[in-house]
Amino acid sequence: MSYAYLDQSEYRVLHVVAAEGTASKHGKYVQTDIDTEGTGYPAVNGESIVYYSELDEAYIKGNRKDGKLIPTPRVIRDLADQLK
């Protein structure tokens, strides 16, 4: 089981962590079945995804600066919506 939260940056990036204590330090959080693969970000189909909830943009293989923009997986958008 993992825990998801949106960070406090201007982009409200979605994070997924194994420790509830870590998630609780960031305000609102929810329990999730989405894997993290130890990166601190959600993983879908074996790919870590950096999701900027304020922009509704998802990236693999990096972030906004060096990653590849992909269509946001529904499961990621739904998870972020629970945290808003």
PDB file of N, CA and C in Angstrom:
ATOM      1  N   MET A   1       0.846  -1.173   0.000  1.00  0.00           N
ATOM      2  CA  MET A   1       0.000   0.000   0.000  1.00  0.00           C
ATOM      3  C   MET A   1       0.893   1.237   0.000  1.00  0.00           C
ATOM      4  N   SER A   2       0.469   2.270  -0.696  1.00  0.00           N
ATOM      5  CA  SER A   2       1.210   3.524  -0.784  1.00  0.00           C
ATOM      6  C   SER A   2       0.287   4.679  -0.402  1.00  0.00           C
ATOM      7  N   TYR A   3       0.900   5.863  -0.305  1.00  0.00           N
ATOM      8  CA  TYR A   3       0.164   7.071   0.071  1.00  0.00           C
ATOM      9  C   TYR A   3       0.508   8.187  -0.906  1.00  0.00           C
ATOM     10  N   ALA A   4      -0.510   8.909  -1.330  1.00  0.00           N
ATOM     11  CA  ALA A   4      -0.323   9.969  -2.322  1.00  0.00           C
ATOM     12  C   ALA A   4      -0.631  11.326  -1.709  1.00  0.00           C
ATOM     13  N   TYR A   5       0.105  12.330  -2.183  1.00  0.00           N
ATOM     14  CA  TYR A   5      -0.145  13.705  -1.786  1.00  0.00           C
ATOM     15  C   TYR A   5       0.322  14.636  -2.902  1.00  0.00           C
ATOM     16  N   LEU A   6      -0.185  15.861  -2.887  1.00  0.00           N
ATOM     17  CA  LEU A   6       0.272  16.904  -3.799  1.00  0.00           C
ATOM     18  C   LEU A   6       1.220  17.803  -3.022  1.00  0.00           C
ATOM     19  N   ASP A   7       2.377  18.083  -3.594  1.00  0.00           N
ATOM     20  CA  ASP A   7       3.310  18.955  -2.883  1.00  0.00           C
ATOM     21  C   ASP A   7       2.805  20.398  -2.899  1.00  0.00           C
ATOM     22  N   GLN A   8       3.512  21.272  -2.220  1.00  0.00           N
ATOM     23  CA  GLN A   8       3.069  22.657  -2.060  1.00  0.00           C
ATOM     24  C   GLN A   8       3.669  23.600  -3.107  1.00  0.00           C
ATOM     25  N   SER A   9       4.328  23.056  -4.115  1.00  0.00           N
ATOM     26  CA  SER A   9       4.901  23.897  -5.166  1.00  0.00           C
ATOM     27  C   SER A   9       3.772  24.542  -5.976  1.00  0.00           C
ATOM     28  N   GLU A  10       4.127  25.512  -6.796  1.00  0.00           N
ATOM     29  CA  GLU A  10       3.106  26.186  -7.602  1.00  0.00           C
ATOM     30  C   GLU A  10       2.409  25.235  -8.568  1.00  0.00           C
ATOM     31  N   TYR A  11       3.056  24.121  -8.909  1.00  0.00           N
ATOM     32  CA  TYR A  11       2.483  23.162  -9.864  1.00  0.00           C
ATOM     33  C   TYR A  11       1.732  22.025  -9.195  1.00  0.00           C
ATOM     34  N   ARG A  12       1.846  21.932  -7.860  1.00  0.00           N
ATOM     35  CA  ARG A  12       1.164  20.864  -7.101  1.00  0.00           C
ATOM     36  C   ARG A  12       1.463  19.494  -7.707  1.00  0.00           C
ATOM     37  N   VAL A  13       2.723  19.098  -7.649  1.00  0.00           N
ATOM     38  CA  VAL A  13       3.186  17.830  -8.210  1.00  0.00           C
ATOM     39  C   VAL A  13       2.690  16.666  -7.351  1.00  0.00           C
ATOM     40  N   LEU A  14       2.227  15.612  -8.012  1.00  0.00           N
ATOM     41  CA  LEU A  14       1.730  14.421  -7.340  1.00  0.00           C
ATOM     42  C   LEU A  14       2.899  13.528  -6.921  1.00  0.00           C
ATOM     43  N   HIS A  15       2.889  13.120  -5.660  1.00  0.00           N
ATOM     44  CA  HIS A  15       3.904  12.196  -5.132  1.00  0.00           C
ATOM     45  C   HIS A  15       3.213  10.969  -4.565  1.00  0.00           C
ATOM     46  N   VAL A  16       3.881   9.832  -4.655  1.00  0.00           N
ATOM     47  CA  VAL A  16       3.406   8.592  -4.048  1.00  0.00           C
ATOM     48  C   VAL A  16       4.577   8.005  -3.263  1.00  0.00           C
ATOM     49  N   VAL A  17       4.334   7.732  -1.984  1.00  0.00           N
ATOM     50  CA  VAL A  17       5.378   7.224  -1.099  1.00  0.00           C
ATOM     51  C   VAL A  17       4.860   6.022  -0.320  1.00  0.00           C
ATOM     52  N   ALA A  18       5.780   5.226   0.182  1.00  0.00           N
ATOM     53  CA  ALA A  18       5.406   4.024   0.935  1.00  0.00           C
ATOM     54  C   ALA A  18       5.022   4.343   2.374  1.00  0.00           C
ATOM     55  N   ALA A  19       5.616   5.385   2.943  1.00  0.00           N
ATOM     56  CA  ALA A  19       5.412   5.686   4.360  1.00  0.00           C
ATOM     57  C   ALA A  19       4.292   6.703   4.583  1.00  0.00           C
ATOM     58  N   GLU A  20       3.310   6.312   5.368  1.00  0.00           N
ATOM     59  CA  GLU A  20       2.210   7.222   5.680  1.00  0.00           C
ATOM     60  C   GLU A  20       2.722   8.467   6.405  1.00  0.00           C
ATOM     61  N   GLY A  21       3.718   8.299   7.270  1.00  0.00           N
ATOM     62  CA  GLY A  21       4.274   9.430   7.999  1.00  0.00           C
ATOM     63  C   GLY A  21       4.838  10.493   7.073  1.00  0.00           C
ATOM     64  N   THR A  22       5.468  10.071   5.994  1.00  0.00           N
ATOM     65  CA  THR A  22       6.007  11.016   5.017  1.00  0.00           C
ATOM     66  C   THR A  22       4.875  11.777   4.350  1.00  0.00           C
ATOM     67  N   ALA A  23       3.853  11.065   3.925  1.00  0.00           N
ATOM     68  CA  ALA A  23       2.714  11.711   3.251  1.00  0.00           C
ATOM     69  C   ALA A  23       1.994  12.676   4.177  1.00  0.00           C
ATOM     70  N   SER A  24       1.852  12.311   5.437  1.00  0.00           N
ATOM     71  CA  SER A  24       1.089  13.141   6.372  1.00  0.00           C
ATOM     72  C   SER A  24       1.759  14.484   6.646  1.00  0.00           C
ATOM     73  N   LYS A  25       3.046  14.592   6.390  1.00  0.00           N
ATOM     74  CA  LYS A  25       3.761  15.853   6.602  1.00  0.00           C
ATOM     75  C   LYS A  25       3.418  16.901   5.547  1.00  0.00           C
ATOM     76  N   HIS A  26       2.702  16.480   4.511  1.00  0.00           N
ATOM     77  CA  HIS A  26       2.419  17.371   3.384  1.00  0.00           C
ATOM     78  C   HIS A  26       0.956  17.762   3.288  1.00  0.00           C
ATOM     79  N   GLY A  27       0.217  17.601   4.364  1.00  0.00           N
ATOM     80  CA  GLY A  27      -1.194  17.971   4.353  1.00  0.00           C
ATOM     81  C   GLY A  27      -2.068  16.801   3.943  1.00  0.00           C
ATOM     82  N   LYS A  28      -3.048  17.088   3.118  1.00  0.00           N
ATOM     83  CA  LYS A  28      -4.011  16.067   2.700  1.00  0.00           C
ATOM     84  C   LYS A  28      -3.308  14.957   1.934  1.00  0.00           C
ATOM     85  N   TYR A  29      -3.661  13.713   2.259  1.00  0.00           N
ATOM     86  CA  TYR A  29      -3.106  12.556   1.567  1.00  0.00           C
ATOM     87  C   TYR A  29      -4.148  11.449   1.537  1.00  0.00           C
ATOM     88  N   VAL A  30      -3.969  10.505   0.623  1.00  0.00           N
ATOM     89  CA  VAL A  30      -4.873   9.365   0.511  1.00  0.00           C
ATOM     90  C   VAL A  30      -4.064   8.091   0.315  1.00  0.00           C
ATOM     91  N   GLN A  31      -4.660   7.001   0.740  1.00  0.00           N
ATOM     92  CA  GLN A  31      -4.058   5.684   0.517  1.00  0.00           C
ATOM     93  C   GLN A  31      -4.365   5.256  -0.913  1.00  0.00           C
ATOM     94  N   THR A  32      -3.409   4.579  -1.555  1.00  0.00           N
ATOM     95  CA  THR A  32      -3.597   4.183  -2.947  1.00  0.00           C
ATOM     96  C   THR A  32      -2.914   2.853  -3.232  1.00  0.00           C
ATOM     97  N   ASP A  33      -3.388   2.193  -4.264  1.00  0.00           N
ATOM     98  CA  ASP A  33      -2.762   0.961  -4.737  1.00  0.00           C
ATOM     99  C   ASP A  33      -1.719   1.240  -5.817  1.00  0.00           C
ATOM    100  N   ILE A  34      -1.612   2.485  -6.241  1.00  0.00           N
ATOM    101  CA  ILE A  34      -0.634   2.833  -7.278  1.00  0.00           C
ATOM    102  C   ILE A  34       0.767   2.653  -6.723  1.00  0.00           C
ATOM    103  N   ASP A  35       1.614   2.040  -7.507  1.00  0.00           N
ATOM    104  CA  ASP A  35       2.989   1.767  -7.098  1.00  0.00           C
ATOM    105  C   ASP A  35       3.831   3.026  -7.204  1.00  0.00           C
ATOM    106  N   THR A  36       4.949   3.045  -6.491  1.00  0.00           N
ATOM    107  CA  THR A  36       5.873   4.168  -6.555  1.00  0.00           C
ATOM    108  C   THR A  36       7.226   3.756  -7.109  1.00  0.00           C
ATOM    109  N   GLU A  37       7.553   2.484  -7.054  1.00  0.00           N
ATOM    110  CA  GLU A  37       8.849   1.962  -7.493  1.00  0.00           C
ATOM    111  C   GLU A  37      10.003   2.709  -6.844  1.00  0.00           C
ATOM    112  N   GLY A  38       9.762   3.275  -5.667  1.00  0.00           N
ATOM    113  CA  GLY A  38      10.807   3.928  -4.893  1.00  0.00           C
ATOM    114  C   GLY A  38      11.239   5.294  -5.384  1.00  0.00           C
ATOM    115  N   THR A  39      10.547   5.855  -6.355  1.00  0.00           N
ATOM    116  CA  THR A  39      10.957   7.139  -6.928  1.00  0.00           C
ATOM    117  C   THR A  39      10.313   8.338  -6.239  1.00  0.00           C
ATOM    118  N   GLY A  40       9.228   8.111  -5.511  1.00  0.00           N
ATOM    119  CA  GLY A  40       8.487   9.223  -4.925  1.00  0.00           C
ATOM    120  C   GLY A  40       7.398   9.742  -5.841  1.00  0.00           C
ATOM    121  N   TYR A  41       7.313   9.152  -7.022  1.00  0.00           N
ATOM    122  CA  TYR A  41       6.283   9.516  -7.993  1.00  0.00           C
ATOM    123  C   TYR A  41       5.466   8.278  -8.323  1.00  0.00           C
ATOM    124  N   PRO A  42       4.226   8.468  -8.793  1.00  0.00           N
ATOM    125  CA  PRO A  42       3.421   7.300  -9.168  1.00  0.00           C
ATOM    126  C   PRO A  42       4.027   6.578 -10.368  1.00  0.00           C
ATOM    127  N   ALA A  43       3.836   5.273 -10.407  1.00  0.00           N
ATOM    128  CA  ALA A  43       4.308   4.471 -11.534  1.00  0.00           C
ATOM    129  C   ALA A  43       3.109   3.754 -12.147  1.00  0.00           C
ATOM    130  N   VAL A  44       3.013   3.849 -13.460  1.00  0.00           N
ATOM    131  CA  VAL A  44       1.955   3.175 -14.210  1.00  0.00           C
ATOM    132  C   VAL A  44       2.633   2.379 -15.319  1.00  0.00           C
ATOM    133  N   ASN A  45       2.298   1.098 -15.394  1.00  0.00           N
ATOM    134  CA  ASN A  45       2.907   0.216 -16.399  1.00  0.00           C
ATOM    135  C   ASN A  45       4.437   0.259 -16.343  1.00  0.00           C
ATOM    136  N   GLY A  46       4.973   0.315 -15.123  1.00  0.00           N
ATOM    137  CA  GLY A  46       6.417   0.285 -14.944  1.00  0.00           C
ATOM    138  C   GLY A  46       7.143   1.586 -15.226  1.00  0.00           C
ATOM    139  N   GLU A  47       6.411   2.649 -15.527  1.00  0.00           N
ATOM    140  CA  GLU A  47       7.015   3.958 -15.830  1.00  0.00           C
ATOM    141  C   GLU A  47       6.674   4.946 -14.719  1.00  0.00           C
ATOM    142  N   SER A  48       7.694   5.567 -14.133  1.00  0.00           N
ATOM    143  CA  SER A  48       7.452   6.635 -13.172  1.00  0.00           C
ATOM    144  C   SER A  48       6.929   7.851 -13.918  1.00  0.00           C
ATOM    145  N   ILE A  49       5.920   8.481 -13.332  1.00  0.00           N
ATOM    146  CA  ILE A  49       5.264   9.619 -13.970  1.00  0.00           C
ATOM    147  C   ILE A  49       5.345  10.827 -13.051  1.00  0.00           C
ATOM    148  N   VAL A  50       5.833  11.929 -13.579  1.00  0.00           N
ATOM    149  CA  VAL A  50       5.818  13.194 -12.856  1.00  0.00           C
ATOM    150  C   VAL A  50       4.593  13.943 -13.367  1.00  0.00           C
ATOM    151  N   TYR A  51       3.631  14.145 -12.458  1.00  0.00           N
ATOM    152  CA  TYR A  51       2.362  14.770 -12.841  1.00  0.00           C
ATOM    153  C   TYR A  51       2.219  16.131 -12.169  1.00  0.00           C
ATOM    154  N   TYR A  52       2.064  17.162 -12.986  1.00  0.00           N
ATOM    155  CA  TYR A  52       1.857  18.528 -12.528  1.00  0.00           C
ATOM    156  C   TYR A  52       0.359  18.796 -12.541  1.00  0.00           C
ATOM    157  N   SER A  53      -0.270  18.712 -11.372  1.00  0.00           N
ATOM    158  CA  SER A  53      -1.735  18.779 -11.331  1.00  0.00           C
ATOM    159  C   SER A  53      -2.282  20.143 -11.756  1.00  0.00           C
ATOM    160  N   GLU A  54      -1.580  21.227 -11.472  1.00  0.00           N
ATOM    161  CA  GLU A  54      -2.063  22.553 -11.864  1.00  0.00           C
ATOM    162  C   GLU A  54      -2.020  22.756 -13.376  1.00  0.00           C
ATOM    163  N   LEU A  55      -1.161  22.022 -14.054  1.00  0.00           N
ATOM    164  CA  LEU A  55      -1.046  22.134 -15.510  1.00  0.00           C
ATOM    165  C   LEU A  55      -1.724  20.981 -16.238  1.00  0.00           C
ATOM    166  N   ASP A  56      -2.114  19.949 -15.482  1.00  0.00           N
ATOM    167  CA  ASP A  56      -2.628  18.697 -16.041  1.00  0.00           C
ATOM    168  C   ASP A  56      -1.663  18.160 -17.102  1.00  0.00           C
ATOM    169  N   GLU A  57      -0.376  18.069 -16.714  1.00  0.00           N
ATOM    170  CA  GLU A  57       0.670  17.546 -17.596  1.00  0.00           C
ATOM    171  C   GLU A  57       1.402  16.412 -16.906  1.00  0.00           C
ATOM    172  N   ALA A  58       1.639  15.337 -17.667  1.00  0.00           N
ATOM    173  CA  ALA A  58       2.345  14.172 -17.151  1.00  0.00           C
ATOM    174  C   ALA A  58       3.580  13.903 -18.010  1.00  0.00           C
ATOM    175  N   TYR A  59       4.683  13.562 -17.344  1.00  0.00           N
ATOM    176  CA  TYR A  59       5.951  13.312 -18.031  1.00  0.00           C
ATOM    177  C   TYR A  59       6.551  11.987 -17.569  1.00  0.00           C
ATOM    178  N   ILE A  60       7.188  11.294 -18.501  1.00  0.00           N
ATOM    179  CA  ILE A  60       7.969  10.115 -18.169  1.00  0.00           C
ATOM    180  C   ILE A  60       9.427  10.406 -18.529  1.00  0.00           C
ATOM    181  N   LYS A  61      10.324   9.595 -17.964  1.00  0.00           N
ATOM    182  CA  LYS A  61      11.756   9.724 -18.236  1.00  0.00           C
ATOM    183  C   LYS A  61      12.278  11.121 -17.904  1.00  0.00           C
ATOM    184  N   GLY A  62      11.718  11.740 -16.860  1.00  0.00           N
ATOM    185  CA  GLY A  62      12.162  13.059 -16.436  1.00  0.00           C
ATOM    186  C   GLY A  62      10.988  13.935 -16.036  1.00  0.00           C
ATOM    187  N   ASN A  63      11.253  15.230 -15.996  1.00  0.00           N
ATOM    188  CA  ASN A  63      10.208  16.172 -15.605  1.00  0.00           C
ATOM    189  C   ASN A  63       9.951  17.169 -16.736  1.00  0.00           C
ATOM    190  N   ARG A  64       9.375  18.323 -16.414  1.00  0.00           N
ATOM    191  CA  ARG A  64       9.042  19.317 -17.451  1.00  0.00           C
ATOM    192  C   ARG A  64      10.257  19.757 -18.254  1.00  0.00           C
ATOM    193  N   LYS A  65      11.410  19.742 -17.636  1.00  0.00           N
ATOM    194  CA  LYS A  65      12.615  20.241 -18.300  1.00  0.00           C
ATOM    195  C   LYS A  65      13.246  19.224 -19.248  1.00  0.00           C
ATOM    196  N   ASP A  66      13.182  17.941 -18.865  1.00  0.00           N
ATOM    197  CA  ASP A  66      13.923  16.959 -19.664  1.00  0.00           C
ATOM    198  C   ASP A  66      13.161  15.671 -19.953  1.00  0.00           C
ATOM    199  N   GLY A  67      11.886  15.600 -19.557  1.00  0.00           N
ATOM    200  CA  GLY A  67      11.110  14.390 -19.768  1.00  0.00           C
ATOM    201  C   GLY A  67      10.276  14.433 -21.038  1.00  0.00           C
ATOM    202  N   LYS A  68       9.549  13.355 -21.250  1.00  0.00           N
ATOM    203  CA  LYS A  68       8.674  13.236 -22.418  1.00  0.00           C
ATOM    204  C   LYS A  68       7.228  13.444 -21.969  1.00  0.00           C
ATOM    205  N   LEU A  69       6.558  14.428 -22.546  1.00  0.00           N
ATOM    206  CA  LEU A  69       5.154  14.703 -22.250  1.00  0.00           C
ATOM    207  C   LEU A  69       4.301  13.565 -22.799  1.00  0.00           C
ATOM    208  N   ILE A  70       3.394  13.051 -21.957  1.00  0.00           N
ATOM    209  CA  ILE A  70       2.493  11.971 -22.367  1.00  0.00           C
ATOM    210  C   ILE A  70       1.062  12.375 -22.020  1.00  0.00           C
ATOM    211  N   PRO A  71       0.090  11.711 -22.635  1.00  0.00           N
ATOM    212  CA  PRO A  71      -1.296  11.917 -22.193  1.00  0.00           C
ATOM    213  C   PRO A  71      -1.416  11.451 -20.733  1.00  0.00           C
ATOM    214  N   THR A  72      -2.072  12.233 -19.919  1.00  0.00           N
ATOM    215  CA  THR A  72      -2.200  11.879 -18.508  1.00  0.00           C
ATOM    216  C   THR A  72      -3.061  10.637 -18.346  1.00  0.00           C
ATOM    217  N   PRO A  73      -2.511   9.584 -17.718  1.00  0.00           N
ATOM    218  CA  PRO A  73      -3.335   8.397 -17.459  1.00  0.00           C
ATOM    219  C   PRO A  73      -4.506   8.755 -16.540  1.00  0.00           C
ATOM    220  N   ARG A  74      -5.653   8.221 -16.840  1.00  0.00           N
ATOM    221  CA  ARG A  74      -6.876   8.505 -16.083  1.00  0.00           C
ATOM    222  C   ARG A  74      -6.673   8.237 -14.589  1.00  0.00           C
ATOM    223  N   VAL A  75      -5.991   7.154 -14.252  1.00  0.00           N
ATOM    224  CA  VAL A  75      -5.787   6.783 -12.853  1.00  0.00           C
ATOM    225  C   VAL A  75      -4.975   7.858 -12.115  1.00  0.00           C
ATOM    226  N   ILE A  76      -4.063   8.512 -12.806  1.00  0.00           N
ATOM    227  CA  ILE A  76      -3.257   9.580 -12.204  1.00  0.00           C
ATOM    228  C   ILE A  76      -4.115  10.824 -11.986  1.00  0.00           C
ATOM    229  N   ARG A  77      -4.869  11.211 -12.986  1.00  0.00           N
ATOM    230  CA  ARG A  77      -5.744  12.384 -12.864  1.00  0.00           C
ATOM    231  C   ARG A  77      -6.779  12.163 -11.759  1.00  0.00           C
ATOM    232  N   ASP A  78      -7.367  10.982 -11.711  1.00  0.00           N
ATOM    233  CA  ASP A  78      -8.372  10.683 -10.682  1.00  0.00           C
ATOM    234  C   ASP A  78      -7.764  10.758  -9.277  1.00  0.00           C
ATOM    235  N   LEU A  79      -6.547  10.239  -9.133  1.00  0.00           N
ATOM    236  CA  LEU A  79      -5.878  10.286  -7.835  1.00  0.00           C
ATOM    237  C   LEU A  79      -5.617  11.734  -7.421  1.00  0.00           C
ATOM    238  N   ALA A  80      -5.100  12.530  -8.327  1.00  0.00           N
ATOM    239  CA  ALA A  80      -4.832  13.935  -8.019  1.00  0.00           C
ATOM    240  C   ALA A  80      -6.120  14.679  -7.666  1.00  0.00           C
ATOM    241  N   ASP A  81      -7.203  14.377  -8.356  1.00  0.00           N
ATOM    242  CA  ASP A  81      -8.485  15.033  -8.078  1.00  0.00           C
ATOM    243  C   ASP A  81      -8.970  14.757  -6.660  1.00  0.00           C
ATOM    244  N   GLN A  82      -8.652  13.585  -6.129  1.00  0.00           N
ATOM    245  CA  GLN A  82      -9.023  13.255  -4.749  1.00  0.00           C
ATOM    246  C   GLN A  82      -8.299  14.136  -3.735  1.00  0.00           C
ATOM    247  N   LEU A  83      -7.182  14.705  -4.147  1.00  0.00           N
ATOM    248  CA  LEU A  83      -6.336  15.460  -3.233  1.00  0.00           C
ATOM    249  C   LEU A  83      -6.558  16.963  -3.308  1.00  0.00           C
ATOM    250  N   LYS A  84      -7.371  17.398  -4.235  1.00  0.00           N
ATOM    251  CA  LYS A  84      -7.622  18.848  -4.400  1.00  0.00           C
ATOM    252  C   LYS A  84      -8.711  19.315  -3.473  1.00  0.00           C
TER     253      LYS A  84
END
